[in-house]
C-alpha atoms as a PDB file:
ATOM      1  CA  MET A   1       0.000   0.000   0.000  1.00  0.00           C
ATOM      2  CA  GLU A   2       1.350   3.343  -0.997  1.00  0.00           C
ATOM      3  CA  LEU A   3       1.565   5.890   1.793  1.00  0.00           C
ATOM      4  CA  THR A   4      -0.164   9.153   1.079  1.00  0.00           C
ATOM      5  CA  LYS A   5      -1.010  12.073   3.306  1.00  0.00           C
ATOM      6  CA  ASN A   6      -4.689  11.053   3.341  1.00  0.00           C
ATOM      7  CA  ASN A   7      -4.251   7.445   4.445  1.00  0.00           C
ATOM      8  CA  VAL A   8      -1.571   8.352   7.029  1.00  0.00           C
ATOM      9  CA  THR A   9      -3.847  11.037   8.475  1.00  0.00           C
ATOM     10  CA  GLU A  10      -6.794   8.637   8.463  1.00  0.00           C
ATOM     11  CA  ASN A  11      -4.764   5.907  10.213  1.00  0.00           C
ATOM     12  CA  VAL A  12      -3.582   8.315  12.902  1.00  0.00           C
ATOM     13  CA  THR A  13      -7.116   9.635  13.385  1.00  0.00           C
ATOM     14  CA  VAL A  14      -8.512   6.110  13.624  1.00  0.00           C
ATOM     15  CA  ASN A  15      -5.899   5.156  16.242  1.00  0.00           C
ATOM     16  CA  VAL A  16      -6.549   8.260  18.338  1.00  0.00           C
ATOM     17  CA  THR A  17     -10.309   7.808  18.040  1.00  0.00           C
ATOM     18  CA  GLU A  18     -10.140   4.163  19.058  1.00  0.00           C
ATOM     19  CA  ASN A  19      -7.988   4.998  22.081  1.00  0.00           C
ATOM     20  CA  LYS A  20     -10.501   7.478  23.489  1.00  0.00           C
ATOM     21  CA  LEU A  21     -13.679   5.516  22.770  1.00  0.00           C
ATOM     22  CA  LYS A  22     -15.156   2.792  24.934  1.00  0.00           C
ATOM     23  CA  SER A  23     -15.167  -0.726  23.579  1.00  0.00           C
ATOM     24  CA  ARG A  24     -18.936  -0.547  23.065  1.00  0.00           C
ATOM     25  CA  GLU A  25     -18.587   2.679  21.061  1.00  0.00           C
ATOM     26  CA  GLN A  26     -15.918   1.045  18.910  1.00  0.00           C
ATOM     27  CA  ASN A  27     -18.307  -1.865  18.343  1.00  0.00           C
ATOM     28  CA  ILE A  28     -21.063   0.545  17.302  1.00  0.00           C
ATOM     29  CA  ILE A  29     -18.726   2.006  14.670  1.00  0.00           C
ATOM     30  CA  LYS A  30     -17.702  -1.476  13.495  1.00  0.00           C
ATOM     31  CA  LEU A  31     -21.305  -2.700  13.213  1.00  0.00           C
ATOM     32  CA  THR A  32     -22.353   0.522  11.488  1.00  0.00           C
ATOM     33  CA  LYS A  33     -19.564   0.088   8.913  1.00  0.00           C
ATOM     34  CA  GLU A  34     -20.907  -3.396   8.201  1.00  0.00           C
ATOM     35  CA  ASN A  35     -24.540  -2.217   7.961  1.00  0.00           C
ATOM     36  CA  ASN A  36     -25.128   1.531   7.706  1.00  0.00           C
ATOM     37  CA  THR A  37     -28.886   1.203   8.280  1.00  0.00           C
ATOM     38  CA  ILE A  38     -28.537  -0.543  11.649  1.00  0.00           C
ATOM     39  CA  SER A  39     -30.031   1.199  14.680  1.00  0.00           C
ATOM     40  CA  VAL A  40     -32.368  -0.680  17.001  1.00  0.00           C
ATOM     41  CA  GLU A  41     -30.499  -3.936  16.451  1.00  0.00           C
ATOM     42  CA  LEU A  42     -27.365  -2.425  18.041  1.00  0.00           C
ATOM     43  CA  ALA A  43     -28.841  -2.801  21.528  1.00  0.00           C
ATOM     44  CA  GLU A  44     -29.617  -6.462  20.922  1.00  0.00           C
ATOM     45  CA  LYS A  45     -26.231  -7.222  19.378  1.00  0.00           C
ATOM     46  CA  LEU A  46     -24.304  -5.448  22.163  1.00  0.00           C
ATOM     47  CA  PHE A  47     -26.545  -6.685  25.018  1.00  0.00           C
ATOM     48  CA  VAL A  48     -27.423  -3.225  26.335  1.00  0.00           C
ATOM     49  CA  THR A  49     -30.590  -1.153  26.547  1.00  0.00           C
ATOM     50  CA  PRO A  50     -31.759   0.999  23.646  1.00  0.00           C
ATOM     51  CA  ARG A  51     -31.213   4.055  25.879  1.00  0.00           C
ATOM     52  CA  THR A  52     -27.519   3.143  26.230  1.00  0.00           C
ATOM     53  CA  ILE A  53     -27.179   2.939  22.444  1.00  0.00           C
ATOM     54  CA  ILE A  54     -28.915   6.305  22.043  1.00  0.00           C
ATOM     55  CA  ARG A  55     -26.485   7.856  24.550  1.00  0.00           C
ATOM     56  CA  ASP A  56     -23.451   6.323  22.796  1.00  0.00           C
ATOM     57  CA  ILE A  57     -24.678   7.412  19.360  1.00  0.00           C
ATOM     58  CA  GLU A  58     -25.205  10.956  20.640  1.00  0.00           C
ATOM     59  CA  LYS A  59     -21.597  11.003  21.880  1.00  0.00           C
ATOM     60  CA  LEU A  60     -20.325   9.686  18.529  1.00  0.00           C
ATOM     61  CA  LYS A  61     -22.379  12.335  16.723  1.00  0.00           C
ATOM     62  CA  GLN A  62     -20.974  15.086  18.959  1.00  0.00           C
ATOM     63  CA  LEU A  63     -17.448  13.838  18.227  1.00  0.00           C
ATOM     64  CA  GLY A  64     -18.251  14.068  14.518  1.00  0.00           C
ATOM     65  CA  ILE A  65     -17.790  10.339  13.972  1.00  0.00           C
ATOM     66  CA  LEU A  66     -21.393   9.401  13.125  1.00  0.00           C
ATOM     67  CA  LYS A  67     -23.865  11.400  11.087  1.00  0.00           C
ATOM     68  CA  ARG A  68     -27.448  10.472  10.261  1.00  0.00           C
ATOM     69  CA  ILE A  69     -28.364  10.892   6.604  1.00  0.00           C
ATOM     70  CA  GLY A  70     -32.082  10.978   5.879  1.00  0.00           C
ATOM     71  CA  PRO A  71     -34.987  10.187   8.167  1.00  0.00           C
ATOM     72  CA  ALA A  72     -35.003   7.842  11.159  1.00  0.00           C
ATOM     73  CA  LYS A  73     -36.904   5.320   9.054  1.00  0.00           C
ATOM     74  CA  GLY A  74     -35.290   4.785   5.689  1.00  0.00           C
ATOM     75  CA  GLY A  75     -32.131   6.788   6.334  1.00  0.00           C
ATOM     76  CA  HIS A  76     -28.615   5.551   7.004  1.00  0.00           C
ATOM     77  CA  TRP A  77     -25.517   6.305   9.043  1.00  0.00           C
ATOM     78  CA  GLU A  78     -22.391   7.877   7.623  1.00  0.00           C
ATOM     79  CA  ILE A  79     -19.076   7.375   9.399  1.00  0.00           C
ATOM     80  CA  SER A  80     -16.646  10.242   9.328  1.00  0.00           C
ATOM     81  CA  ILE A  81     -13.284   9.778  10.966  1.00  0.00           C
ATOM     82  CA  ASN A  82     -12.818  13.467  11.751  1.00  0.00           C
ATOM     83  CA  PRO A  83     -13.467  13.733  15.495  1.00  0.00           C
END
C-alpha cells in the first residue's frame, strides 16, 4: 500500500479515536460500517438497553464520527473519521 497524506492522516485519526472511545462505542462504529442502516439492532447485538445505544450514538455524533443521513426510518448512518 502506498503511503499518502490522506491514508496516514486517516490511520492516525482512527488510532486516536479508538484509544478514546469505549469498547462498546468502537463496536457501534464497526457494526455501522458493516450495515449503515442498523439502529435498534445495536442494543440487541451489544446486550445493552436501547437508551444506552442512544447515549453512545449521541456522543459519537458530537465527536463528529457518526452522522445520520435521511430520516429515522429509511435513512442511514455515515461514518466520518474526523473527530
